[in-house]
Amino acid sequence: MIVAIDGPAGAGKSTTARALAERLGFRYLDTGAMYRALTWLALQRELPLDRGAELAELAQAHPVEFNGEGRVQIDGTDVTSSIRDVRIDRVVPVVARHQEVREVMRDRQRALGAAGDVVIEGRDIGAVVAPDAAVKVYLEADPEERARRRVAERPGIGADALVTDLKLRDSRDAANTHLAEGAILIDTTGLTLDDVVSRIAAIVEERRA
């Protein structure tokens, strides 16, 4: 079974997907980490980030891997921590916007998602990557709440800078952030993580039955 979780930055996708996968005993697939890993490798090799075709070739030659504990690897290197660096935050949107790169990544995401029960989170998951997912969820939250969460995730960065970054990301990601057909919309504003996870887990169990 595939559970697809979509939504904008700060809506709670990663935290929810990780906790949901743990509760259900499913694998967790963070598609955003895949773009971050490719960005990290491109920077390591000093590859210009405006060359979509070359970046796609790099992604094809060095597919992102996830081990049993969910750690991220590319080109034989564990990059789980490295890809959360502020430097990656700033430039990963440049890499992710290339259509050639997205096509390679989507194929890889489908391959990883085909190997058993999995919770996949990111953007365009329910609409494009896994349109036949058994459960599709779209998380959203008020802009103020999303900004507060981003500040909590990045304590070393000023709140004003993060709010501005969130607005820019919303604008950039709009083309790939969709409410997929058949998706269940959950507003996470005011809800605890357990509230959200329990609600989705109940939907999964219902679909299983």
N, C-alpha and C. Protein backbone atom coordinates (compact mmCIF):
# COMPACT_ATOMS: atom_id res chain seq x y z
N MET A 1 0.84 -1.20 0.00
CA MET A 1 0.00 0.00 0.00
C MET A 1 0.87 1.25 0.00
N ILE A 2 0.46 2.24 -0.78
CA ILE A 2 1.14 3.53 -0.80
C ILE A 2 0.24 4.58 -0.16
N VAL A 3 0.80 5.32 0.80
CA VAL A 3 0.13 6.46 1.39
C VAL A 3 0.88 7.70 0.90
N ALA A 4 0.21 8.56 0.16
CA ALA A 4 0.83 9.76 -0.41
C ALA A 4 0.44 10.98 0.42
N ILE A 5 1.44 11.75 0.85
CA ILE A 5 1.19 12.95 1.64
C ILE A 5 1.80 14.15 0.94
N ASP A 6 0.94 15.09 0.57
CA ASP A 6 1.35 16.31 -0.11
C ASP A 6 1.07 17.53 0.77
N GLY A 7 1.57 18.67 0.32
CA GLY A 7 1.28 19.92 1.02
C GLY A 7 2.43 20.88 0.94
N PRO A 8 2.21 22.14 1.30
CA PRO A 8 3.26 23.16 1.25
C PRO A 8 4.25 23.02 2.40
N ALA A 9 5.34 23.76 2.32
CA ALA A 9 6.36 23.76 3.37
C ALA A 9 5.75 24.24 4.68
N GLY A 10 6.08 23.55 5.77
CA GLY A 10 5.60 23.95 7.08
C GLY A 10 4.24 23.40 7.46
N ALA A 11 3.62 22.62 6.56
CA ALA A 11 2.30 22.06 6.85
C ALA A 11 2.39 20.82 7.74
N GLY A 12 3.61 20.27 7.88
CA GLY A 12 3.79 19.11 8.73
C GLY A 12 3.98 17.80 8.00
N LYS A 13 4.30 17.86 6.72
CA LYS A 13 4.42 16.63 5.91
C LYS A 13 5.46 15.66 6.46
N SER A 14 6.68 16.15 6.63
CA SER A 14 7.78 15.26 7.02
C SER A 14 7.56 14.64 8.39
N THR A 15 7.21 15.48 9.36
CA THR A 15 7.00 14.99 10.72
C THR A 15 5.86 13.98 10.77
N THR A 16 4.77 14.31 10.07
CA THR A 16 3.61 13.44 10.05
C THR A 16 3.92 12.13 9.33
N ALA A 17 4.55 12.21 8.17
CA ALA A 17 4.84 11.01 7.39
C ALA A 17 5.77 10.07 8.14
N ARG A 18 6.77 10.63 8.80
CA ARG A 18 7.73 9.81 9.54
C ARG A 18 7.03 9.09 10.70
N ALA A 19 6.21 9.83 11.45
CA ALA A 19 5.50 9.24 12.59
C ALA A 19 4.45 8.24 12.13
N LEU A 20 3.79 8.53 11.03
CA LEU A 20 2.77 7.62 10.50
C LEU A 20 3.40 6.31 10.05
N ALA A 21 4.53 6.41 9.34
CA ALA A 21 5.22 5.20 8.88
C ALA A 21 5.64 4.34 10.06
N GLU A 22 6.11 4.99 11.11
CA GLU A 22 6.53 4.23 12.30
C GLU A 22 5.34 3.53 12.94
N ARG A 23 4.22 4.23 13.03
CA ARG A 23 3.03 3.64 13.65
C ARG A 23 2.49 2.46 12.83
N LEU A 24 2.52 2.60 11.51
CA LEU A 24 1.95 1.55 10.65
C LEU A 24 2.94 0.43 10.34
N GLY A 25 4.23 0.68 10.61
CA GLY A 25 5.24 -0.30 10.22
C GLY A 25 5.55 -0.24 8.74
N PHE A 26 5.32 0.93 8.13
CA PHE A 26 5.60 1.15 6.72
C PHE A 26 7.00 1.77 6.57
N ARG A 27 7.53 1.73 5.36
CA ARG A 27 8.75 2.48 5.06
C ARG A 27 8.37 3.95 4.88
N TYR A 28 9.34 4.83 5.12
CA TYR A 28 9.13 6.27 4.95
C TYR A 28 10.02 6.77 3.84
N LEU A 29 9.43 7.47 2.87
CA LEU A 29 10.19 7.99 1.73
C LEU A 29 10.01 9.50 1.66
N ASP A 30 11.10 10.21 1.94
CA ASP A 30 11.13 11.67 1.90
C ASP A 30 11.66 12.09 0.53
N THR A 31 10.76 12.47 -0.37
CA THR A 31 11.19 12.81 -1.73
C THR A 31 11.98 14.11 -1.76
N GLY A 32 11.70 15.02 -0.82
CA GLY A 32 12.48 16.26 -0.77
C GLY A 32 13.94 15.99 -0.50
N ALA A 33 14.21 14.97 0.31
CA ALA A 33 15.60 14.61 0.61
C ALA A 33 16.34 14.15 -0.64
N MET A 34 15.61 13.61 -1.59
CA MET A 34 16.24 13.15 -2.83
C MET A 34 16.76 14.33 -3.64
N TYR A 35 15.97 15.38 -3.73
CA TYR A 35 16.42 16.58 -4.44
C TYR A 35 17.57 17.25 -3.69
N ARG A 36 17.50 17.20 -2.39
CA ARG A 36 18.58 17.77 -1.58
C ARG A 36 19.88 17.00 -1.78
N ALA A 37 19.77 15.68 -1.84
CA ALA A 37 20.96 14.84 -2.04
C ALA A 37 21.60 15.12 -3.39
N LEU A 38 20.77 15.25 -4.42
CA LEU A 38 21.30 15.57 -5.74
C LEU A 38 21.97 16.94 -5.74
N THR A 39 21.35 17.90 -5.06
CA THR A 39 21.94 19.23 -4.96
C THR A 39 23.30 19.18 -4.28
N TRP A 40 23.37 18.41 -3.20
CA TRP A 40 24.64 18.25 -2.47
C TRP A 40 25.72 17.70 -3.40
N LEU A 41 25.38 16.67 -4.18
CA LEU A 41 26.36 16.05 -5.07
C LEU A 41 26.78 17.02 -6.18
N ALA A 42 25.82 17.76 -6.71
CA ALA A 42 26.15 18.74 -7.75
C ALA A 42 27.10 19.81 -7.22
N LEU A 43 26.88 20.25 -6.00
CA LEU A 43 27.77 21.24 -5.40
C LEU A 43 29.16 20.65 -5.15
N GLN A 44 29.20 19.40 -4.71
CA GLN A 44 30.48 18.75 -4.48
C GLN A 44 31.31 18.67 -5.76
N ARG A 45 30.60 18.48 -6.87
CA ARG A 45 31.28 18.34 -8.16
C ARG A 45 31.36 19.66 -8.91
N GLU A 46 30.90 20.71 -8.26
CA GLU A 46 30.94 22.06 -8.84
C GLU A 46 30.24 22.12 -10.20
N LEU A 47 29.12 21.43 -10.26
CA LEU A 47 28.31 21.44 -11.48
C LEU A 47 27.35 22.62 -11.44
N PRO A 48 27.31 23.46 -12.47
CA PRO A 48 26.38 24.60 -12.49
C PRO A 48 24.93 24.13 -12.31
N LEU A 49 24.20 24.78 -11.44
CA LEU A 49 22.85 24.34 -11.11
C LEU A 49 21.79 24.78 -12.11
N ASP A 50 22.20 25.52 -13.13
CA ASP A 50 21.24 25.95 -14.14
C ASP A 50 21.22 25.00 -15.35
N ARG A 51 21.97 23.92 -15.29
CA ARG A 51 22.05 22.98 -16.41
C ARG A 51 21.21 21.73 -16.11
N GLY A 52 19.93 21.82 -16.45
CA GLY A 52 19.00 20.76 -16.12
C GLY A 52 19.37 19.41 -16.68
N ALA A 53 19.80 19.38 -17.95
CA ALA A 53 20.12 18.10 -18.59
C ALA A 53 21.30 17.41 -17.88
N GLU A 54 22.30 18.19 -17.51
CA GLU A 54 23.46 17.61 -16.84
C GLU A 54 23.10 17.13 -15.43
N LEU A 55 22.25 17.87 -14.76
CA LEU A 55 21.81 17.46 -13.43
C LEU A 55 20.98 16.18 -13.51
N ALA A 56 20.16 16.07 -14.55
CA ALA A 56 19.36 14.86 -14.73
C ALA A 56 20.26 13.65 -14.99
N GLU A 57 21.31 13.86 -15.77
CA GLU A 57 22.27 12.78 -16.02
C GLU A 57 22.96 12.36 -14.72
N LEU A 58 23.28 13.34 -13.89
CA LEU A 58 23.91 13.06 -12.60
C LEU A 58 22.96 12.24 -11.72
N ALA A 59 21.70 12.62 -11.71
CA ALA A 59 20.70 11.90 -10.92
C ALA A 59 20.51 10.48 -11.43
N GLN A 60 20.56 10.32 -12.74
CA GLN A 60 20.40 8.99 -13.34
C GLN A 60 21.59 8.09 -12.99
N ALA A 61 22.78 8.66 -13.03
CA ALA A 61 23.99 7.89 -12.78
C ALA A 61 24.19 7.57 -11.30
N HIS A 62 23.63 8.41 -10.42
CA HIS A 62 23.82 8.23 -8.99
C HIS A 62 22.47 8.29 -8.27
N PRO A 63 21.67 7.24 -8.38
CA PRO A 63 20.35 7.24 -7.74
C PRO A 63 20.46 7.33 -6.22
N VAL A 64 19.54 8.08 -5.64
CA VAL A 64 19.52 8.23 -4.19
C VAL A 64 19.04 6.94 -3.55
N GLU A 65 19.68 6.58 -2.44
CA GLU A 65 19.34 5.37 -1.71
C GLU A 65 18.89 5.72 -0.29
N PHE A 66 18.02 4.88 0.28
CA PHE A 66 17.61 5.00 1.68
C PHE A 66 17.87 3.65 2.34
N ASN A 67 18.57 3.67 3.48
CA ASN A 67 18.81 2.39 4.14
C ASN A 67 17.62 2.04 5.03
N GLY A 68 17.70 0.94 5.75
CA GLY A 68 16.58 0.48 6.55
C GLY A 68 16.18 1.44 7.65
N GLU A 69 17.08 2.32 8.04
CA GLU A 69 16.78 3.30 9.08
C GLU A 69 16.36 4.64 8.50
N GLY A 70 16.23 4.70 7.18
CA GLY A 70 15.79 5.94 6.54
C GLY A 70 16.88 6.94 6.27
N ARG A 71 18.14 6.55 6.47
CA ARG A 71 19.24 7.47 6.20
C ARG A 71 19.44 7.60 4.69
N VAL A 72 19.87 8.78 4.27
CA VAL A 72 19.95 9.11 2.85
C VAL A 72 21.39 8.96 2.36
N GLN A 73 21.54 8.27 1.23
CA GLN A 73 22.87 8.05 0.66
C GLN A 73 22.87 8.38 -0.83
N ILE A 74 23.97 8.95 -1.31
CA ILE A 74 24.16 9.18 -2.73
C ILE A 74 25.64 9.06 -3.04
N ASP A 75 25.95 8.39 -4.11
CA ASP A 75 27.34 8.20 -4.53
C ASP A 75 28.18 7.59 -3.41
N GLY A 76 27.58 6.66 -2.65
CA GLY A 76 28.30 5.98 -1.59
C GLY A 76 28.51 6.78 -0.31
N THR A 77 27.89 7.96 -0.21
CA THR A 77 28.09 8.82 0.95
C THR A 77 26.78 9.02 1.70
N ASP A 78 26.84 8.92 3.03
CA ASP A 78 25.68 9.21 3.86
C ASP A 78 25.57 10.74 3.99
N VAL A 79 24.48 11.29 3.45
CA VAL A 79 24.33 12.75 3.42
C VAL A 79 23.14 13.21 4.26
N THR A 80 22.66 12.34 5.14
CA THR A 80 21.46 12.64 5.93
C THR A 80 21.53 13.99 6.62
N SER A 81 22.67 14.28 7.23
CA SER A 81 22.83 15.55 7.94
C SER A 81 23.24 16.68 7.01
N SER A 82 24.12 16.38 6.07
CA SER A 82 24.66 17.40 5.17
C SER A 82 23.59 18.11 4.35
N ILE A 83 22.54 17.37 3.96
CA ILE A 83 21.54 17.96 3.08
C ILE A 83 20.60 18.92 3.81
N ARG A 84 20.74 19.04 5.12
CA ARG A 84 19.91 19.98 5.88
C ARG A 84 20.63 21.30 6.13
N ASP A 85 21.78 21.45 5.51
CA ASP A 85 22.56 22.67 5.66
C ASP A 85 21.84 23.84 4.99
N VAL A 86 22.03 25.03 5.54
CA VAL A 86 21.39 26.24 4.99
C VAL A 86 21.79 26.45 3.53
N ARG A 87 23.02 26.09 3.19
CA ARG A 87 23.48 26.25 1.81
C ARG A 87 22.61 25.44 0.86
N ILE A 88 22.20 24.25 1.28
CA ILE A 88 21.32 23.41 0.46
C ILE A 88 19.93 24.03 0.39
N ASP A 89 19.45 24.53 1.54
CA ASP A 89 18.13 25.18 1.58
C ASP A 89 18.00 26.23 0.49
N ARG A 90 19.06 27.00 0.32
CA ARG A 90 18.99 28.15 -0.58
C ARG A 90 18.92 27.76 -2.05
N VAL A 91 19.58 26.66 -2.42
CA VAL A 91 19.70 26.36 -3.85
C VAL A 91 18.94 25.14 -4.33
N VAL A 92 18.40 24.33 -3.41
CA VAL A 92 17.69 23.13 -3.87
C VAL A 92 16.48 23.47 -4.77
N PRO A 93 15.78 24.61 -4.56
CA PRO A 93 14.69 24.92 -5.48
C PRO A 93 15.16 25.09 -6.92
N VAL A 94 16.38 25.57 -7.10
CA VAL A 94 16.93 25.76 -8.45
C VAL A 94 17.07 24.40 -9.15
N VAL A 95 17.54 23.41 -8.40
CA VAL A 95 17.71 22.07 -8.95
C VAL A 95 16.35 21.42 -9.20
N ALA A 96 15.45 21.54 -8.24
CA ALA A 96 14.17 20.84 -8.32
C ALA A 96 13.24 21.39 -9.41
N ARG A 97 13.47 22.60 -9.87
CA ARG A 97 12.55 23.17 -10.86
C ARG A 97 12.82 22.66 -12.27
N HIS A 98 13.97 22.01 -12.50
CA HIS A 98 14.27 21.50 -13.85
C HIS A 98 13.38 20.29 -14.16
N GLN A 99 12.65 20.36 -15.26
CA GLN A 99 11.74 19.28 -15.61
C GLN A 99 12.49 17.97 -15.86
N GLU A 100 13.68 18.06 -16.44
CA GLU A 100 14.46 16.84 -16.71
C GLU A 100 14.82 16.13 -15.40
N VAL A 101 15.15 16.94 -14.40
CA VAL A 101 15.49 16.37 -13.09
C VAL A 101 14.27 15.74 -12.45
N ARG A 102 13.14 16.42 -12.52
CA ARG A 102 11.91 15.90 -11.91
C ARG A 102 11.50 14.58 -12.53
N GLU A 103 11.69 14.44 -13.83
CA GLU A 103 11.31 13.18 -14.50
C GLU A 103 12.16 12.02 -14.00
N VAL A 104 13.47 12.25 -13.85
CA VAL A 104 14.36 11.20 -13.34
C VAL A 104 13.99 10.87 -11.90
N MET A 105 13.76 11.88 -11.09
CA MET A 105 13.42 11.67 -9.69
C MET A 105 12.08 10.96 -9.52
N ARG A 106 11.11 11.31 -10.35
CA ARG A 106 9.81 10.65 -10.25
C ARG A 106 9.93 9.16 -10.57
N ASP A 107 10.72 8.83 -11.57
CA ASP A 107 10.92 7.41 -11.89
C ASP A 107 11.56 6.68 -10.71
N ARG A 108 12.54 7.33 -10.09
CA ARG A 108 13.21 6.73 -8.93
C ARG A 108 12.24 6.59 -7.76
N GLN A 109 11.41 7.60 -7.54
CA GLN A 109 10.44 7.56 -6.45
C GLN A 109 9.42 6.44 -6.67
N ARG A 110 9.00 6.26 -7.91
CA ARG A 110 8.06 5.16 -8.20
C ARG A 110 8.70 3.81 -7.95
N ALA A 111 9.97 3.68 -8.32
CA ALA A 111 10.68 2.41 -8.11
C ALA A 111 10.80 2.12 -6.61
N LEU A 112 11.14 3.13 -5.84
CA LEU A 112 11.27 2.95 -4.40
C LEU A 112 9.91 2.68 -3.75
N GLY A 113 8.88 3.30 -4.28
CA GLY A 113 7.55 3.13 -3.72
C GLY A 113 6.90 1.80 -4.05
N ALA A 114 7.43 1.12 -5.07
CA ALA A 114 6.83 -0.14 -5.50
C ALA A 114 7.23 -1.32 -4.62
N ALA A 115 8.20 -1.11 -3.74
CA ALA A 115 8.74 -2.22 -2.94
C ALA A 115 8.06 -2.31 -1.58
N GLY A 116 6.76 -2.61 -1.56
CA GLY A 116 6.07 -2.82 -0.29
C GLY A 116 5.34 -1.60 0.24
N ASP A 117 4.84 -1.72 1.47
CA ASP A 117 4.08 -0.64 2.09
C ASP A 117 4.97 0.56 2.38
N VAL A 118 4.49 1.75 2.01
CA VAL A 118 5.34 2.93 2.14
C VAL A 118 4.50 4.20 2.30
N VAL A 119 5.02 5.13 3.08
CA VAL A 119 4.45 6.47 3.18
C VAL A 119 5.39 7.39 2.41
N ILE A 120 4.87 8.04 1.36
CA ILE A 120 5.68 8.93 0.52
C ILE A 120 5.19 10.36 0.72
N GLU A 121 6.12 11.25 1.04
CA GLU A 121 5.72 12.65 1.22
C GLU A 121 6.55 13.57 0.35
N GLY A 122 5.93 14.68 -0.04
CA GLY A 122 6.62 15.65 -0.88
C GLY A 122 5.62 16.52 -1.61
N ARG A 123 5.96 16.85 -2.85
CA ARG A 123 5.06 17.64 -3.69
C ARG A 123 4.74 16.84 -4.94
N ASP A 124 3.57 16.98 -5.46
CA ASP A 124 3.02 16.28 -6.62
C ASP A 124 3.06 14.76 -6.46
N ILE A 125 3.01 14.27 -5.21
CA ILE A 125 3.05 12.82 -4.98
C ILE A 125 1.73 12.18 -5.39
N GLY A 126 0.64 12.64 -4.81
CA GLY A 126 -0.65 12.05 -5.12
C GLY A 126 -1.13 12.32 -6.53
N ALA A 127 -0.72 13.46 -7.10
CA ALA A 127 -1.18 13.84 -8.43
C ALA A 127 -0.35 13.23 -9.54
N VAL A 128 0.98 13.09 -9.33
CA VAL A 128 1.87 12.69 -10.42
C VAL A 128 2.68 11.42 -10.11
N VAL A 129 3.36 11.41 -8.97
CA VAL A 129 4.25 10.29 -8.66
C VAL A 129 3.47 9.01 -8.40
N ALA A 130 2.42 9.10 -7.57
CA ALA A 130 1.66 7.90 -7.21
C ALA A 130 0.16 8.18 -7.29
N PRO A 131 -0.35 8.42 -8.50
CA PRO A 131 -1.77 8.75 -8.64
C PRO A 131 -2.70 7.61 -8.24
N ASP A 132 -2.17 6.39 -8.18
CA ASP A 132 -3.00 5.25 -7.79
C ASP A 132 -2.81 4.88 -6.31
N ALA A 133 -2.21 5.76 -5.54
CA ALA A 133 -2.00 5.49 -4.11
C ALA A 133 -3.33 5.17 -3.43
N ALA A 134 -3.29 4.21 -2.52
CA ALA A 134 -4.51 3.80 -1.83
C ALA A 134 -5.06 4.91 -0.95
N VAL A 135 -4.17 5.71 -0.38
CA VAL A 135 -4.58 6.83 0.47
C VAL A 135 -3.79 8.06 0.04
N LYS A 136 -4.51 9.15 -0.22
CA LYS A 136 -3.88 10.42 -0.58
C LYS A 136 -4.33 11.47 0.43
N VAL A 137 -3.35 12.17 0.99
CA VAL A 137 -3.64 13.19 2.00
C VAL A 137 -2.94 14.48 1.61
N TYR A 138 -3.64 15.58 1.76
CA TYR A 138 -3.05 16.89 1.53
C TYR A 138 -3.11 17.67 2.83
N LEU A 139 -1.94 17.99 3.38
CA LEU A 139 -1.87 18.74 4.63
C LEU A 139 -1.70 20.23 4.33
N GLU A 140 -2.40 21.05 5.09
CA GLU A 140 -2.22 22.49 4.99
C GLU A 140 -2.30 23.09 6.39
N ALA A 141 -1.90 24.34 6.53
CA ALA A 141 -1.97 25.04 7.81
C ALA A 141 -1.96 26.53 7.53
N ASP A 142 -2.41 27.31 8.51
CA ASP A 142 -2.39 28.77 8.35
C ASP A 142 -0.96 29.24 8.13
N PRO A 143 -0.76 30.29 7.33
CA PRO A 143 0.59 30.81 7.08
C PRO A 143 1.36 31.13 8.35
N GLU A 144 0.67 31.68 9.35
CA GLU A 144 1.35 32.03 10.60
C GLU A 144 1.88 30.78 11.31
N GLU A 145 1.06 29.72 11.31
CA GLU A 145 1.47 28.47 11.95
C GLU A 145 2.61 27.81 11.20
N ARG A 146 2.54 27.85 9.88
CA ARG A 146 3.61 27.27 9.08
C ARG A 146 4.92 28.01 9.32
N ALA A 147 4.86 29.34 9.41
CA ALA A 147 6.06 30.13 9.66
C ALA A 147 6.62 29.81 11.05
N ARG A 148 5.74 29.65 12.05
CA ARG A 148 6.20 29.32 13.40
C ARG A 148 6.94 27.99 13.41
N ARG A 149 6.42 27.01 12.67
CA ARG A 149 7.07 25.70 12.62
C ARG A 149 8.43 25.78 11.95
N ARG A 150 8.53 26.58 10.91
CA ARG A 150 9.82 26.71 10.22
C ARG A 150 10.86 27.35 11.14
N VAL A 151 10.42 28.32 11.94
CA VAL A 151 11.33 28.95 12.89
C VAL A 151 11.82 27.92 13.90
N ALA A 152 10.91 27.04 14.35
CA ALA A 152 11.28 26.01 15.32
C ALA A 152 12.26 25.01 14.72
N GLU A 153 12.10 24.73 13.42
CA GLU A 153 12.98 23.77 12.74
C GLU A 153 14.36 24.35 12.47
N ARG A 154 14.44 25.68 12.30
CA ARG A 154 15.69 26.33 11.94
C ARG A 154 16.00 27.43 12.96
N PRO A 155 16.31 27.05 14.22
CA PRO A 155 16.52 28.06 15.27
C PRO A 155 17.69 29.00 15.01
N GLY A 156 18.60 28.63 14.14
CA GLY A 156 19.76 29.49 13.89
C GLY A 156 19.51 30.57 12.86
N ILE A 157 18.30 30.61 12.31
CA ILE A 157 17.97 31.58 11.27
C ILE A 157 16.89 32.52 11.79
N GLY A 158 17.00 33.80 11.46
CA GLY A 158 16.05 34.79 11.92
C GLY A 158 14.63 34.52 11.44
N ALA A 159 13.65 34.86 12.29
CA ALA A 159 12.25 34.60 11.96
C ALA A 159 11.81 35.34 10.70
N ASP A 160 12.22 36.60 10.56
CA ASP A 160 11.83 37.38 9.39
C ASP A 160 12.35 36.75 8.10
N ALA A 161 13.59 36.27 8.15
CA ALA A 161 14.19 35.64 6.97
C ALA A 161 13.44 34.37 6.61
N LEU A 162 13.02 33.60 7.62
CA LEU A 162 12.32 32.36 7.35
C LEU A 162 10.92 32.61 6.80
N VAL A 163 10.25 33.63 7.30
CA VAL A 163 8.92 33.97 6.79
C VAL A 163 9.02 34.39 5.33
N THR A 164 10.01 35.19 5.01
CA THR A 164 10.22 35.61 3.62
C THR A 164 10.53 34.42 2.74
N ASP A 165 11.38 33.51 3.25
CA ASP A 165 11.74 32.31 2.50
C ASP A 165 10.51 31.44 2.26
N LEU A 166 9.63 31.36 3.24
CA LEU A 166 8.42 30.54 3.10
C LEU A 166 7.54 31.09 1.99
N LYS A 167 7.40 32.40 1.91
CA LYS A 167 6.60 33.01 0.87
C LYS A 167 7.20 32.74 -0.51
N LEU A 168 8.52 32.82 -0.61
CA LEU A 168 9.19 32.55 -1.88
C LEU A 168 9.00 31.09 -2.29
N ARG A 169 9.11 30.18 -1.32
CA ARG A 169 8.95 28.76 -1.61
C ARG A 169 7.53 28.47 -2.08
N ASP A 170 6.55 29.10 -1.45
CA ASP A 170 5.16 28.90 -1.87
C ASP A 170 4.99 29.30 -3.33
N SER A 171 5.61 30.42 -3.68
CA SER A 171 5.50 30.91 -5.05
C SER A 171 6.18 29.97 -6.03
N ARG A 172 7.38 29.50 -5.67
CA ARG A 172 8.13 28.60 -6.55
C ARG A 172 7.47 27.23 -6.66
N ASP A 173 6.90 26.76 -5.55
CA ASP A 173 6.38 25.40 -5.51
C ASP A 173 4.94 25.27 -6.00
N ALA A 174 4.31 26.41 -6.30
CA ALA A 174 2.89 26.39 -6.65
C ALA A 174 2.58 25.44 -7.80
N ALA A 175 3.48 25.38 -8.78
CA ALA A 175 3.23 24.53 -9.96
C ALA A 175 3.25 23.05 -9.63
N ASN A 176 3.90 22.68 -8.51
CA ASN A 176 4.03 21.26 -8.17
C ASN A 176 3.37 20.92 -6.82
N THR A 177 2.48 21.78 -6.36
CA THR A 177 1.78 21.52 -5.11
C THR A 177 0.29 21.52 -5.41
N HIS A 178 -0.27 20.33 -5.54
CA HIS A 178 -1.66 20.19 -5.96
C HIS A 178 -2.45 19.31 -5.00
N LEU A 179 -3.74 19.60 -4.90
CA LEU A 179 -4.66 18.72 -4.21
C LEU A 179 -5.07 17.65 -5.22
N ALA A 180 -4.51 16.45 -5.08
CA ALA A 180 -4.76 15.38 -6.04
C ALA A 180 -6.22 14.93 -5.99
N GLU A 181 -6.67 14.39 -7.10
CA GLU A 181 -8.03 13.85 -7.15
C GLU A 181 -8.17 12.75 -6.12
N GLY A 182 -9.21 12.85 -5.30
CA GLY A 182 -9.45 11.84 -4.28
C GLY A 182 -8.68 12.05 -2.99
N ALA A 183 -7.89 13.13 -2.91
CA ALA A 183 -7.09 13.38 -1.70
C ALA A 183 -7.96 13.92 -0.58
N ILE A 184 -7.58 13.58 0.64
CA ILE A 184 -8.28 14.05 1.83
C ILE A 184 -7.52 15.25 2.38
N LEU A 185 -8.20 16.37 2.50
CA LEU A 185 -7.59 17.61 2.98
C LEU A 185 -7.65 17.68 4.50
N ILE A 186 -6.49 17.89 5.13
CA ILE A 186 -6.45 18.02 6.59
C ILE A 186 -5.72 19.32 6.94
N ASP A 187 -6.41 20.20 7.64
CA ASP A 187 -5.80 21.44 8.12
C ASP A 187 -5.17 21.13 9.47
N THR A 188 -3.85 21.20 9.54
CA THR A 188 -3.14 20.82 10.76
C THR A 188 -3.01 21.96 11.77
N THR A 189 -3.52 23.14 11.43
CA THR A 189 -3.46 24.26 12.37
C THR A 189 -4.22 23.89 13.64
N GLY A 190 -3.55 23.98 14.77
CA GLY A 190 -4.22 23.69 16.03
C GLY A 190 -4.30 22.22 16.38
N LEU A 191 -3.83 21.35 15.48
CA LEU A 191 -3.84 19.91 15.77
C LEU A 191 -2.47 19.47 16.26
N THR A 192 -2.45 18.50 17.16
CA THR A 192 -1.18 17.93 17.58
C THR A 192 -0.73 16.91 16.54
N LEU A 193 0.54 16.54 16.60
CA LEU A 193 1.05 15.52 15.68
C LEU A 193 0.26 14.23 15.84
N ASP A 194 -0.03 13.85 17.07
CA ASP A 194 -0.78 12.60 17.31
C ASP A 194 -2.18 12.68 16.71
N ASP A 195 -2.80 13.86 16.77
CA ASP A 195 -4.12 14.04 16.17
C ASP A 195 -4.08 13.73 14.67
N VAL A 196 -3.10 14.31 14.00
CA VAL A 196 -2.99 14.16 12.55
C VAL A 196 -2.66 12.72 12.18
N VAL A 197 -1.68 12.15 12.87
CA VAL A 197 -1.27 10.78 12.57
C VAL A 197 -2.42 9.81 12.83
N SER A 198 -3.13 9.99 13.92
CA SER A 198 -4.25 9.09 14.25
C SER A 198 -5.34 9.18 13.20
N ARG A 199 -5.59 10.38 12.72
CA ARG A 199 -6.63 10.56 11.70
C ARG A 199 -6.25 9.84 10.41
N ILE A 200 -5.00 9.97 9.98
CA ILE A 200 -4.57 9.31 8.74
C ILE A 200 -4.49 7.80 8.94
N ALA A 201 -4.00 7.37 10.09
CA ALA A 201 -3.90 5.93 10.37
C ALA A 201 -5.28 5.28 10.32
N ALA A 202 -6.29 5.98 10.82
CA ALA A 202 -7.66 5.44 10.78
C ALA A 202 -8.14 5.29 9.34
N ILE A 203 -7.78 6.25 8.50
CA ILE A 203 -8.15 6.17 7.08
C ILE A 203 -7.47 4.98 6.42
N VAL A 204 -6.18 4.78 6.74
CA VAL A 204 -5.43 3.65 6.17
C VAL A 204 -6.08 2.34 6.58
N GLU A 205 -6.40 2.20 7.85
CA GLU A 205 -7.01 0.94 8.33
C GLU A 205 -8.37 0.71 7.69
N GLU A 206 -9.09 1.79 7.46
CA GLU A 206 -10.39 1.67 6.80
C GLU A 206 -10.23 1.19 5.36
N ARG A 207 -9.25 1.74 4.66
CA ARG A 207 -9.00 1.33 3.28
C ARG A 207 -8.50 -0.12 3.22
N ARG A 208 -7.69 -0.50 4.19
CA ARG A 208 -7.21 -1.87 4.24
C ARG A 208 -8.38 -2.85 4.39
N ALA A 209 -9.33 -2.47 5.26
CA ALA A 209 -10.47 -3.34 5.50
C ALA A 209 -11.37 -3.45 4.28
